[in-house]
Amino acid sequence: MGIGLMKREIADLDSVLEHRVRLAICVLLTRYDRLSFSRLRDLTDETDGSLGANLRKLEDEGLVKVEKKFVDRKPVSWYALAPGGRKALKAHLDVLARLISQAGKPARE
């Protein structure tokens, strides 16, 4: 992969998914149909504020969808990966895989 192509690949990375917590959330949501806020908090080991801000960003970008319900009179927010989120994650991971495959190879101009 030449330098020009590598620069284009890097430019194709999704800036929203470059954040480790947002990437982790999306990867987790590919494994489960949906996860509650508290379960995501436990799995990511994030504070409520940090997790909430990252989930809001993903929701605002259309990558995740939220469903709010009451369980035993307590509010529970359920998060799922939106179709656009699944597509964006796949594209992001594909670019990362291509870049990783070039690690350690001699540079070509």
PDB file of N, CA and C in Angstrom:
ATOM      1  N   MET A   1       0.861  -1.175   0.000  1.00  0.00           N
ATOM      2  CA  MET A   1       0.000   0.000   0.000  1.00  0.00           C
ATOM      3  C   MET A   1       0.900   1.229   0.000  1.00  0.00           C
ATOM      4  N   GLY A   2       0.696   2.076  -0.974  1.00  0.00           N
ATOM      5  CA  GLY A   2       1.484   3.297  -1.063  1.00  0.00           C
ATOM      6  C   GLY A   2       1.052   4.333  -0.035  1.00  0.00           C
ATOM      7  N   ILE A   3       1.876   5.329   0.152  1.00  0.00           N
ATOM      8  CA  ILE A   3       1.599   6.384   1.132  1.00  0.00           C
ATOM      9  C   ILE A   3       0.292   7.098   0.820  1.00  0.00           C
ATOM     10  N   GLY A   4       0.054   7.398  -0.444  1.00  0.00           N
ATOM     11  CA  GLY A   4      -1.182   8.086  -0.823  1.00  0.00           C
ATOM     12  C   GLY A   4      -2.411   7.272  -0.470  1.00  0.00           C
ATOM     13  N   LEU A   5      -2.360   5.987  -0.760  1.00  0.00           N
ATOM     14  CA  LEU A   5      -3.487   5.106  -0.442  1.00  0.00           C
ATOM     15  C   LEU A   5      -3.670   4.998   1.064  1.00  0.00           C
ATOM     16  N   MET A   6      -2.559   4.912   1.792  1.00  0.00           N
ATOM     17  CA  MET A   6      -2.651   4.830   3.244  1.00  0.00           C
ATOM     18  C   MET A   6      -3.270   6.095   3.825  1.00  0.00           C
ATOM     19  N   LYS A   7      -2.905   7.245   3.284  1.00  0.00           N
ATOM     20  CA  LYS A   7      -3.497   8.507   3.747  1.00  0.00           C
ATOM     21  C   LYS A   7      -5.004   8.515   3.498  1.00  0.00           C
ATOM     22  N   ARG A   8      -5.420   7.992   2.354  1.00  0.00           N
ATOM     23  CA  ARG A   8      -6.854   7.936   2.055  1.00  0.00           C
ATOM     24  C   ARG A   8      -7.562   6.975   3.004  1.00  0.00           C
ATOM     25  N   GLU A   9      -6.923   5.857   3.299  1.00  0.00           N
ATOM     26  CA  GLU A   9      -7.506   4.898   4.238  1.00  0.00           C
ATOM     27  C   GLU A   9      -7.695   5.548   5.607  1.00  0.00           C
ATOM     28  N   ILE A  10      -6.671   6.236   6.074  1.00  0.00           N
ATOM     29  CA  ILE A  10      -6.766   6.906   7.373  1.00  0.00           C
ATOM     30  C   ILE A  10      -7.894   7.929   7.365  1.00  0.00           C
ATOM     31  N   ALA A  11      -8.039   8.648   6.266  1.00  0.00           N
ATOM     32  CA  ALA A  11      -9.116   9.635   6.149  1.00  0.00           C
ATOM     33  C   ALA A  11     -10.486   8.971   6.163  1.00  0.00           C
ATOM     34  N   ASP A  12     -10.552   7.697   5.771  1.00  0.00           N
ATOM     35  CA  ASP A  12     -11.829   6.975   5.737  1.00  0.00           C
ATOM     36  C   ASP A  12     -12.259   6.445   7.099  1.00  0.00           C
ATOM     37  N   LEU A  13     -11.389   6.533   8.099  1.00  0.00           N
ATOM     38  CA  LEU A  13     -11.797   6.109   9.442  1.00  0.00           C
ATOM     39  C   LEU A  13     -12.943   6.999   9.933  1.00  0.00           C
ATOM     40  N   ASP A  14     -13.899   6.410  10.608  1.00  0.00           N
ATOM     41  CA  ASP A  14     -15.055   7.145  11.128  1.00  0.00           C
ATOM     42  C   ASP A  14     -14.640   7.855  12.411  1.00  0.00           C
ATOM     43  N   SER A  15     -14.651   9.183  12.403  1.00  0.00           N
ATOM     44  CA  SER A  15     -14.185   9.949  13.560  1.00  0.00           C
ATOM     45  C   SER A  15     -15.021   9.667  14.809  1.00  0.00           C
ATOM     46  N   VAL A  16     -16.283   9.339  14.658  1.00  0.00           N
ATOM     47  CA  VAL A  16     -17.125   9.022  15.814  1.00  0.00           C
ATOM     48  C   VAL A  16     -16.658   7.721  16.459  1.00  0.00           C
ATOM     49  N   LEU A  17     -16.249   6.765  15.654  1.00  0.00           N
ATOM     50  CA  LEU A  17     -15.843   5.457  16.170  1.00  0.00           C
ATOM     51  C   LEU A  17     -14.374   5.398  16.565  1.00  0.00           C
ATOM     52  N   GLU A  18     -13.637   6.488  16.389  1.00  0.00           N
ATOM     53  CA  GLU A  18     -12.242   6.505  16.806  1.00  0.00           C
ATOM     54  C   GLU A  18     -12.109   6.532  18.322  1.00  0.00           C
ATOM     55  N   HIS A  19     -13.141   6.962  19.023  1.00  0.00           N
ATOM     56  CA  HIS A  19     -13.115   6.993  20.485  1.00  0.00           C
ATOM     57  C   HIS A  19     -13.303   5.579  21.015  1.00  0.00           C
ATOM     58  N   ARG A  20     -12.430   5.146  21.914  1.00  0.00           N
ATOM     59  CA  ARG A  20     -12.427   3.759  22.376  1.00  0.00           C
ATOM     60  C   ARG A  20     -13.741   3.328  23.005  1.00  0.00           C
ATOM     61  N   VAL A  21     -14.403   4.208  23.756  1.00  0.00           N
ATOM     62  CA  VAL A  21     -15.661   3.829  24.413  1.00  0.00           C
ATOM     63  C   VAL A  21     -16.768   3.664  23.375  1.00  0.00           C
ATOM     64  N   ARG A  22     -16.848   4.574  22.414  1.00  0.00           N
ATOM     65  CA  ARG A  22     -17.889   4.457  21.381  1.00  0.00           C
ATOM     66  C   ARG A  22     -17.655   3.222  20.522  1.00  0.00           C
ATOM     67  N   LEU A  23     -16.407   2.935  20.203  1.00  0.00           N
ATOM     68  CA  LEU A  23     -16.092   1.718  19.454  1.00  0.00           C
ATOM     69  C   LEU A  23     -16.477   0.484  20.268  1.00  0.00           C
ATOM     70  N   ALA A  24     -16.139   0.487  21.542  1.00  0.00           N
ATOM     71  CA  ALA A  24     -16.471  -0.654  22.409  1.00  0.00           C
ATOM     72  C   ALA A  24     -17.985  -0.858  22.501  1.00  0.00           C
ATOM     73  N   ILE A  25     -18.733   0.219  22.646  1.00  0.00           N
ATOM     74  CA  ILE A  25     -20.194   0.123  22.722  1.00  0.00           C
ATOM     75  C   ILE A  25     -20.737  -0.540  21.460  1.00  0.00           C
ATOM     76  N   CYS A  26     -20.290  -0.076  20.313  1.00  0.00           N
ATOM     77  CA  CYS A  26     -20.800  -0.631  19.048  1.00  0.00           C
ATOM     78  C   CYS A  26     -20.407  -2.089  18.883  1.00  0.00           C
ATOM     79  N   VAL A  27     -19.189  -2.437  19.249  1.00  0.00           N
ATOM     80  CA  VAL A  27     -18.773  -3.834  19.154  1.00  0.00           C
ATOM     81  C   VAL A  27     -19.612  -4.697  20.088  1.00  0.00           C
ATOM     82  N   LEU A  28     -19.830  -4.237  21.312  1.00  0.00           N
ATOM     83  CA  LEU A  28     -20.674  -4.985  22.250  1.00  0.00           C
ATOM     84  C   LEU A  28     -22.079  -5.176  21.702  1.00  0.00           C
ATOM     85  N   LEU A  29     -22.613  -4.125  21.080  1.00  0.00           N
ATOM     86  CA  LEU A  29     -23.980  -4.211  20.564  1.00  0.00           C
ATOM     87  C   LEU A  29     -24.103  -5.102  19.334  1.00  0.00           C
ATOM     88  N   THR A  30     -22.992  -5.459  18.711  1.00  0.00           N
ATOM     89  CA  THR A  30     -23.068  -6.439  17.624  1.00  0.00           C
ATOM     90  C   THR A  30     -23.263  -7.845  18.182  1.00  0.00           C
ATOM     91  N   ARG A  31     -22.886  -8.051  19.426  1.00  0.00           N
ATOM     92  CA  ARG A  31     -22.972  -9.371  20.049  1.00  0.00           C
ATOM     93  C   ARG A  31     -24.312  -9.623  20.715  1.00  0.00           C
ATOM     94  N   TYR A  32     -25.044  -8.584  21.018  1.00  0.00           N
ATOM     95  CA  TYR A  32     -26.325  -8.691  21.711  1.00  0.00           C
ATOM     96  C   TYR A  32     -27.374  -7.885  20.955  1.00  0.00           C
ATOM     97  N   ASP A  33     -28.602  -8.321  21.013  1.00  0.00           N
ATOM     98  CA  ASP A  33     -29.676  -7.570  20.359  1.00  0.00           C
ATOM     99  C   ASP A  33     -29.811  -6.185  20.973  1.00  0.00           C
ATOM    100  N   ARG A  34     -29.688  -6.150  22.293  1.00  0.00           N
ATOM    101  CA  ARG A  34     -29.760  -4.870  23.002  1.00  0.00           C
ATOM    102  C   ARG A  34     -29.116  -5.052  24.372  1.00  0.00           C
ATOM    103  N   LEU A  35     -28.661  -3.930  24.938  1.00  0.00           N
ATOM    104  CA  LEU A  35     -28.085  -3.925  26.271  1.00  0.00           C
ATOM    105  C   LEU A  35     -28.616  -2.728  27.040  1.00  0.00           C
ATOM    106  N   SER A  36     -28.816  -2.919  28.329  1.00  0.00           N
ATOM    107  CA  SER A  36     -29.272  -1.808  29.167  1.00  0.00           C
ATOM    108  C   SER A  36     -28.094  -0.881  29.471  1.00  0.00           C
ATOM    109  N   PHE A  37     -28.433   0.322  29.869  1.00  0.00           N
ATOM    110  CA  PHE A  37     -27.413   1.297  30.244  1.00  0.00           C
ATOM    111  C   PHE A  37     -26.518   0.713  31.342  1.00  0.00           C
ATOM    112  N   SER A  38     -27.126   0.116  32.359  1.00  0.00           N
ATOM    113  CA  SER A  38     -26.336  -0.399  33.481  1.00  0.00           C
ATOM    114  C   SER A  38     -25.413  -1.540  33.037  1.00  0.00           C
ATOM    115  N   ARG A  39     -25.874  -2.377  32.126  1.00  0.00           N
ATOM    116  CA  ARG A  39     -25.018  -3.465  31.634  1.00  0.00           C
ATOM    117  C   ARG A  39     -23.863  -2.906  30.813  1.00  0.00           C
ATOM    118  N   LEU A  40     -24.133  -1.913  29.963  1.00  0.00           N
ATOM    119  CA  LEU A  40     -23.065  -1.262  29.200  1.00  0.00           C
ATOM    120  C   LEU A  40     -22.061  -0.602  30.142  1.00  0.00           C
ATOM    121  N   ARG A  41     -22.553   0.019  31.200  1.00  0.00           N
ATOM    122  CA  ARG A  41     -21.667   0.660  32.178  1.00  0.00           C
ATOM    123  C   ARG A  41     -20.747  -0.386  32.810  1.00  0.00           C
ATOM    124  N   ASP A  42     -21.325  -1.532  33.172  1.00  0.00           N
ATOM    125  CA  ASP A  42     -20.520  -2.590  33.784  1.00  0.00           C
ATOM    126  C   ASP A  42     -19.486  -3.153  32.804  1.00  0.00           C
ATOM    127  N   LEU A  43     -19.885  -3.360  31.575  1.00  0.00           N
ATOM    128  CA  LEU A  43     -18.992  -3.951  30.572  1.00  0.00           C
ATOM    129  C   LEU A  43     -17.866  -3.010  30.145  1.00  0.00           C
ATOM    130  N   THR A  44     -18.159  -1.709  30.108  1.00  0.00           N
ATOM    131  CA  THR A  44     -17.142  -0.742  29.678  1.00  0.00           C
ATOM    132  C   THR A  44     -16.367  -0.143  30.837  1.00  0.00           C
ATOM    133  N   ASP A  45     -16.869  -0.331  32.051  1.00  0.00           N
ATOM    134  CA  ASP A  45     -16.243   0.223  33.255  1.00  0.00           C
ATOM    135  C   ASP A  45     -16.139   1.748  33.175  1.00  0.00           C
ATOM    136  N   GLU A  46     -17.156   2.369  32.603  1.00  0.00           N
ATOM    137  CA  GLU A  46     -17.217   3.820  32.488  1.00  0.00           C
ATOM    138  C   GLU A  46     -18.127   4.394  33.570  1.00  0.00           C
ATOM    139  N   THR A  47     -17.952   5.673  33.857  1.00  0.00           N
ATOM    140  CA  THR A  47     -18.868   6.355  34.776  1.00  0.00           C
ATOM    141  C   THR A  47     -20.189   6.604  34.054  1.00  0.00           C
ATOM    142  N   ASP A  48     -21.229   6.867  34.809  1.00  0.00           N
ATOM    143  CA  ASP A  48     -22.525   7.178  34.205  1.00  0.00           C
ATOM    144  C   ASP A  48     -22.416   8.359  33.246  1.00  0.00           C
ATOM    145  N   GLY A  49     -21.696   9.399  33.669  1.00  0.00           N
ATOM    146  CA  GLY A  49     -21.574  10.598  32.841  1.00  0.00           C
ATOM    147  C   GLY A  49     -20.842  10.348  31.541  1.00  0.00           C
ATOM    148  N   SER A  50     -19.726   9.640  31.620  1.00  0.00           N
ATOM    149  CA  SER A  50     -18.947   9.341  30.421  1.00  0.00           C
ATOM    150  C   SER A  50     -19.737   8.445  29.477  1.00  0.00           C
ATOM    151  N   LEU A  51     -20.329   7.386  30.013  1.00  0.00           N
ATOM    152  CA  LEU A  51     -21.100   6.481  29.172  1.00  0.00           C
ATOM    153  C   LEU A  51     -22.281   7.207  28.542  1.00  0.00           C
ATOM    154  N   GLY A  52     -22.981   8.004  29.342  1.00  0.00           N
ATOM    155  CA  GLY A  52     -24.129   8.747  28.823  1.00  0.00           C
ATOM    156  C   GLY A  52     -23.754   9.680  27.689  1.00  0.00           C
ATOM    157  N   ALA A  53     -22.630  10.375  27.839  1.00  0.00           N
ATOM    158  CA  ALA A  53     -22.187  11.306  26.798  1.00  0.00           C
ATOM    159  C   ALA A  53     -21.831  10.552  25.518  1.00  0.00           C
ATOM    160  N   ASN A  54     -21.169   9.419  25.648  1.00  0.00           N
ATOM    161  CA  ASN A  54     -20.794   8.643  24.471  1.00  0.00           C
ATOM    162  C   ASN A  54     -22.003   8.003  23.800  1.00  0.00           C
ATOM    163  N   LEU A  55     -22.945   7.519  24.587  1.00  0.00           N
ATOM    164  CA  LEU A  55     -24.179   6.976  24.009  1.00  0.00           C
ATOM    165  C   LEU A  55     -24.975   8.060  23.298  1.00  0.00           C
ATOM    166  N   ARG A  56     -25.009   9.254  23.876  1.00  0.00           N
ATOM    167  CA  ARG A  56     -25.726  10.368  23.249  1.00  0.00           C
ATOM    168  C   ARG A  56     -25.108  10.713  21.902  1.00  0.00           C
ATOM    169  N   LYS A  57     -23.787  10.728  21.838  1.00  0.00           N
ATOM    170  CA  LYS A  57     -23.096  11.015  20.578  1.00  0.00           C
ATOM    171  C   LYS A  57     -23.451   9.962  19.531  1.00  0.00           C
ATOM    172  N   LEU A  58     -23.418   8.688  19.921  1.00  0.00           N
ATOM    173  CA  LEU A  58     -23.764   7.611  18.992  1.00  0.00           C
ATOM    174  C   LEU A  58     -25.218   7.716  18.554  1.00  0.00           C
ATOM    175  N   GLU A  59     -26.083   8.079  19.485  1.00  0.00           N
ATOM    176  CA  GLU A  59     -27.506   8.240  19.157  1.00  0.00           C
ATOM    177  C   GLU A  59     -27.712   9.427  18.212  1.00  0.00           C
ATOM    178  N   ASP A  60     -27.057  10.542  18.507  1.00  0.00           N
ATOM    179  CA  ASP A  60     -27.178  11.740  17.656  1.00  0.00           C
ATOM    180  C   ASP A  60     -26.686  11.472  16.238  1.00  0.00           C
ATOM    181  N   GLU A  61     -25.693  10.610  16.108  1.00  0.00           N
ATOM    182  CA  GLU A  61     -25.132  10.269  14.794  1.00  0.00           C
ATOM    183  C   GLU A  61     -25.936   9.174  14.087  1.00  0.00           C
ATOM    184  N   GLY A  62     -26.957   8.640  14.758  1.00  0.00           N
ATOM    185  CA  GLY A  62     -27.803   7.604  14.167  1.00  0.00           C
ATOM    186  C   GLY A  62     -27.185   6.209  14.189  1.00  0.00           C
ATOM    187  N   LEU A  63     -26.166   6.011  15.026  1.00  0.00           N
ATOM    188  CA  LEU A  63     -25.500   4.716  15.075  1.00  0.00           C
ATOM    189  C   LEU A  63     -26.157   3.756  16.066  1.00  0.00           C
ATOM    190  N   VAL A  64     -26.754   4.298  17.119  1.00  0.00           N
ATOM    191  CA  VAL A  64     -27.491   3.462  18.064  1.00  0.00           C
ATOM    192  C   VAL A  64     -28.884   4.043  18.252  1.00  0.00           C
ATOM    193  N   LYS A  65     -29.781   3.168  18.686  1.00  0.00           N
ATOM    194  CA  LYS A  65     -31.131   3.620  19.016  1.00  0.00           C
ATOM    195  C   LYS A  65     -31.411   3.230  20.455  1.00  0.00           C
ATOM    196  N   VAL A  66     -32.242   4.006  21.108  1.00  0.00           N
ATOM    197  CA  VAL A  66     -32.544   3.778  22.516  1.00  0.00           C
ATOM    198  C   VAL A  66     -34.042   3.588  22.683  1.00  0.00           C
ATOM    199  N   GLU A  67     -34.395   2.701  23.591  1.00  0.00           N
ATOM    200  CA  GLU A  67     -35.792   2.473  23.959  1.00  0.00           C
ATOM    201  C   GLU A  67     -35.858   2.573  25.473  1.00  0.00           C
ATOM    202  N   LYS A  68     -36.700   3.475  25.939  1.00  0.00           N
ATOM    203  CA  LYS A  68     -36.823   3.693  27.386  1.00  0.00           C
ATOM    204  C   LYS A  68     -38.106   3.035  27.878  1.00  0.00           C
ATOM    205  N   LYS A  69     -37.959   2.211  28.920  1.00  0.00           N
ATOM    206  CA  LYS A  69     -39.090   1.490  29.494  1.00  0.00           C
ATOM    207  C   LYS A  69     -39.006   1.557  31.007  1.00  0.00           C
ATOM    208  N   PHE A  70     -40.078   1.150  31.641  1.00  0.00           N
ATOM    209  CA  PHE A  70     -40.079   1.014  33.086  1.00  0.00           C
ATOM    210  C   PHE A  70     -40.115  -0.462  33.430  1.00  0.00           C
ATOM    211  N   VAL A  71     -39.237  -0.880  34.333  1.00  0.00           N
ATOM    212  CA  VAL A  71     -39.203  -2.243  34.841  1.00  0.00           C
ATOM    213  C   VAL A  71     -39.299  -2.150  36.357  1.00  0.00           C
ATOM    214  N   ASP A  72     -40.348  -2.734  36.907  1.00  0.00           N
ATOM    215  CA  ASP A  72     -40.594  -2.621  38.352  1.00  0.00           C
ATOM    216  C   ASP A  72     -40.585  -1.163  38.803  1.00  0.00           C
ATOM    217  N   ARG A  73     -41.238  -0.332  38.023  1.00  0.00           N
ATOM    218  CA  ARG A  73     -41.379   1.106  38.296  1.00  0.00           C
ATOM    219  C   ARG A  73     -40.071   1.885  38.237  1.00  0.00           C
ATOM    220  N   LYS A  74     -39.047   1.278  37.678  1.00  0.00           N
ATOM    221  CA  LYS A  74     -37.760   1.953  37.531  1.00  0.00           C
ATOM    222  C   LYS A  74     -37.482   2.143  36.047  1.00  0.00           C
ATOM    223  N   PRO A  75     -36.984   3.319  35.669  1.00  0.00           N
ATOM    224  CA  PRO A  75     -36.672   3.541  34.252  1.00  0.00           C
ATOM    225  C   PRO A  75     -35.442   2.734  33.822  1.00  0.00           C
ATOM    226  N   VAL A  76     -35.557   2.108  32.648  1.00  0.00           N
ATOM    227  CA  VAL A  76     -34.441   1.362  32.073  1.00  0.00           C
ATOM    228  C   VAL A  76     -34.300   1.784  30.618  1.00  0.00           C
ATOM    229  N   SER A  77     -33.089   2.149  30.233  1.00  0.00           N
ATOM    230  CA  SER A  77     -32.804   2.507  28.837  1.00  0.00           C
ATOM    231  C   SER A  77     -32.116   1.334  28.175  1.00  0.00           C
ATOM    232  N   TRP A  78     -32.694   0.883  27.066  1.00  0.00           N
ATOM    233  CA  TRP A  78     -32.150  -0.232  26.297  1.00  0.00           C
ATOM    234  C   TRP A  78     -31.539   0.319  25.012  1.00  0.00           C
ATOM    235  N   TYR A  79     -30.321  -0.090  24.727  1.00  0.00           N
ATOM    236  CA  TYR A  79     -29.609   0.393  23.551  1.00  0.00           C
ATOM    237  C   TYR A  79     -29.393  -0.744  22.558  1.00  0.00           C
ATOM    238  N   ALA A  80     -29.530  -0.420  21.280  1.00  0.00           N
ATOM    239  CA  ALA A  80     -29.313  -1.379  20.202  1.00  0.00           C
ATOM    240  C   ALA A  80     -28.571  -0.671  19.073  1.00  0.00           C
ATOM    241  N   LEU A  81     -27.834  -1.434  18.311  1.00  0.00           N
ATOM    242  CA  LEU A  81     -27.130  -0.889  17.160  1.00  0.00           C
ATOM    243  C   LEU A  81     -28.134  -0.654  16.039  1.00  0.00           C
ATOM    244  N   ALA A  82     -28.157   0.550  15.516  1.00  0.00           N
ATOM    245  CA  ALA A  82     -29.038   0.885  14.396  1.00  0.00           C
ATOM    246  C   ALA A  82     -28.421   0.314  13.109  1.00  0.00           C
ATOM    247  N   PRO A  83     -29.235   0.126  12.070  1.00  0.00           N
ATOM    248  CA  PRO A  83     -28.677  -0.362  10.803  1.00  0.00           C
ATOM    249  C   PRO A  83     -27.507   0.491  10.305  1.00  0.00           C
ATOM    250  N   GLY A  84     -27.629   1.798  10.441  1.00  0.00           N
ATOM    251  CA  GLY A  84     -26.533   2.683  10.042  1.00  0.00           C
ATOM    252  C   GLY A  84     -25.299   2.491  10.896  1.00  0.00           C
ATOM    253  N   GLY A  85     -25.507   2.144  12.149  1.00  0.00           N
ATOM    254  CA  GLY A  85     -24.390   1.873  13.048  1.00  0.00           C
ATOM    255  C   GLY A  85     -23.661   0.607  12.666  1.00  0.00           C
ATOM    256  N   ARG A  86     -24.415  -0.400  12.284  1.00  0.00           N
ATOM    257  CA  ARG A  86     -23.819  -1.669  11.851  1.00  0.00           C
ATOM    258  C   ARG A  86     -22.962  -1.436  10.601  1.00  0.00           C
ATOM    259  N   LYS A  87     -23.496  -0.648   9.672  1.00  0.00           N
ATOM    260  CA  LYS A  87     -22.778  -0.350   8.427  1.00  0.00           C
ATOM    261  C   LYS A  87     -21.516   0.474   8.710  1.00  0.00           C
ATOM    262  N   ALA A  88     -21.656   1.502   9.563  1.00  0.00           N
ATOM    263  CA  ALA A  88     -20.508   2.354   9.893  1.00  0.00           C
ATOM    264  C   ALA A  88     -19.425   1.571  10.627  1.00  0.00           C
ATOM    265  N   LEU A  89     -19.821   0.696  11.534  1.00  0.00           N
ATOM    266  CA  LEU A  89     -18.847  -0.102  12.265  1.00  0.00           C
ATOM    267  C   LEU A  89     -18.104  -1.039  11.323  1.00  0.00           C
ATOM    268  N   LYS A  90     -18.810  -1.681  10.438  1.00  0.00           N
ATOM    269  CA  LYS A  90     -18.166  -2.590   9.488  1.00  0.00           C
ATOM    270  C   LYS A  90     -17.152  -1.840   8.628  1.00  0.00           C
ATOM    271  N   ALA A  91     -17.548  -0.683   8.121  1.00  0.00           N
ATOM    272  CA  ALA A  91     -16.641   0.116   7.285  1.00  0.00           C
ATOM    273  C   ALA A  91     -15.411   0.534   8.079  1.00  0.00           C
ATOM    274  N   HIS A  92     -15.611   0.971   9.323  1.00  0.00           N
ATOM    275  CA  HIS A  92     -14.503   1.401  10.176  1.00  0.00           C
ATOM    276  C   HIS A  92     -13.548   0.246  10.448  1.00  0.00           C
ATOM    277  N   LEU A  93     -14.094  -0.916  10.792  1.00  0.00           N
ATOM    278  CA  LEU A  93     -13.267  -2.084  11.079  1.00  0.00           C
ATOM    279  C   LEU A  93     -12.544  -2.583   9.834  1.00  0.00           C
ATOM    280  N   ASP A  94     -13.189  -2.482   8.676  1.00  0.00           N
ATOM    281  CA  ASP A  94     -12.529  -2.869   7.419  1.00  0.00           C
ATOM    282  C   ASP A  94     -11.305  -1.998   7.160  1.00  0.00           C
ATOM    283  N   VAL A  95     -11.439  -0.681   7.382  1.00  0.00           N
ATOM    284  CA  VAL A  95     -10.297   0.225   7.191  1.00  0.00           C
ATOM    285  C   VAL A  95      -9.198  -0.119   8.186  1.00  0.00           C
ATOM    286  N   LEU A  96      -9.569  -0.332   9.453  1.00  0.00           N
ATOM    287  CA  LEU A  96      -8.571  -0.694  10.462  1.00  0.00           C
ATOM    288  C   LEU A  96      -7.837  -1.976  10.075  1.00  0.00           C
ATOM    289  N   ALA A  97      -8.573  -2.967   9.589  1.00  0.00           N
ATOM    290  CA  ALA A  97      -7.948  -4.233   9.186  1.00  0.00           C
ATOM    291  C   ALA A  97      -6.946  -4.016   8.055  1.00  0.00           C
ATOM    292  N   ARG A  98      -7.315  -3.179   7.087  1.00  0.00           N
ATOM    293  CA  ARG A  98      -6.387  -2.905   5.982  1.00  0.00           C
ATOM    294  C   ARG A  98      -5.135  -2.179   6.482  1.00  0.00           C
ATOM    295  N   LEU A  99      -5.320  -1.230   7.394  1.00  0.00           N
ATOM    296  CA  LEU A  99      -4.167  -0.505   7.935  1.00  0.00           C
ATOM    297  C   LEU A  99      -3.290  -1.432   8.770  1.00  0.00           C
ATOM    298  N   ILE A 100      -3.892  -2.265   9.593  1.00  0.00           N
ATOM    299  CA  ILE A 100      -3.138  -3.192  10.432  1.00  0.00           C
ATOM    300  C   ILE A 100      -2.341  -4.168   9.568  1.00  0.00           C
ATOM    301  N   SER A 101      -2.930  -4.578   8.454  1.00  0.00           N
ATOM    302  CA  SER A 101      -2.228  -5.536   7.581  1.00  0.00           C
ATOM    303  C   SER A 101      -0.945  -4.932   7.002  1.00  0.00           C
ATOM    304  N   GLN A 102      -0.831  -3.616   7.030  1.00  0.00           N
ATOM    305  CA  GLN A 102       0.349  -2.943   6.473  1.00  0.00           C
ATOM    306  C   GLN A 102       1.421  -2.694   7.524  1.00  0.00           C
ATOM    307  N   ALA A 103       1.108  -2.928   8.793  1.00  0.00           N
ATOM    308  CA  ALA A 103       2.072  -2.656   9.863  1.00  0.00           C
ATOM    309  C   ALA A 103       3.328  -3.520   9.664  1.00  0.00           C
ATOM    310  N   GLY A 104       4.457  -2.873   9.719  1.00  0.00           N
ATOM    311  CA  GLY A 104       5.724  -3.575   9.603  1.00  0.00           C
ATOM    312  C   GLY A 104       6.189  -3.836   8.186  1.00  0.00           C
ATOM    313  N   LYS A 105       5.378  -3.533   7.211  1.00  0.00           N
ATOM    314  CA  LYS A 105       5.791  -3.718   5.816  1.00  0.00           C
ATOM    315  C   LYS A 105       6.590  -2.493   5.363  1.00  0.00           C
ATOM    316  N   PRO A 106       7.555  -2.698   4.473  1.00  0.00           N
ATOM    317  CA  PRO A 106       8.313  -1.554   3.968  1.00  0.00           C
ATOM    318  C   PRO A 106       7.387  -0.578   3.236  1.00  0.00           C
ATOM    319  N   ALA A 107       7.643   0.705   3.404  1.00  0.00           N
ATOM    320  CA  ALA A 107       6.842   1.746   2.753  1.00  0.00           C
ATOM    321  C   ALA A 107       7.113   1.776   1.264  1.00  0.00           C
ATOM    322  N   ARG A 108       6.043   2.034   0.508  1.00  0.00           N
ATOM    323  CA  ARG A 108       6.157   2.233  -0.943  1.00  0.00           C
ATOM    324  C   ARG A 108       5.640   3.628  -1.252  1.00  0.00           C
ATOM    325  N   GLU A 109       6.351   4.323  -2.033  1.00  0.00           N
ATOM    326  CA  GLU A 109       5.926   5.694  -2.424  1.00  0.00           C
ATOM    327  C   GLU A 109       4.924   5.638  -3.536  1.00  0.00           C
TER     328      GLU A 109
END
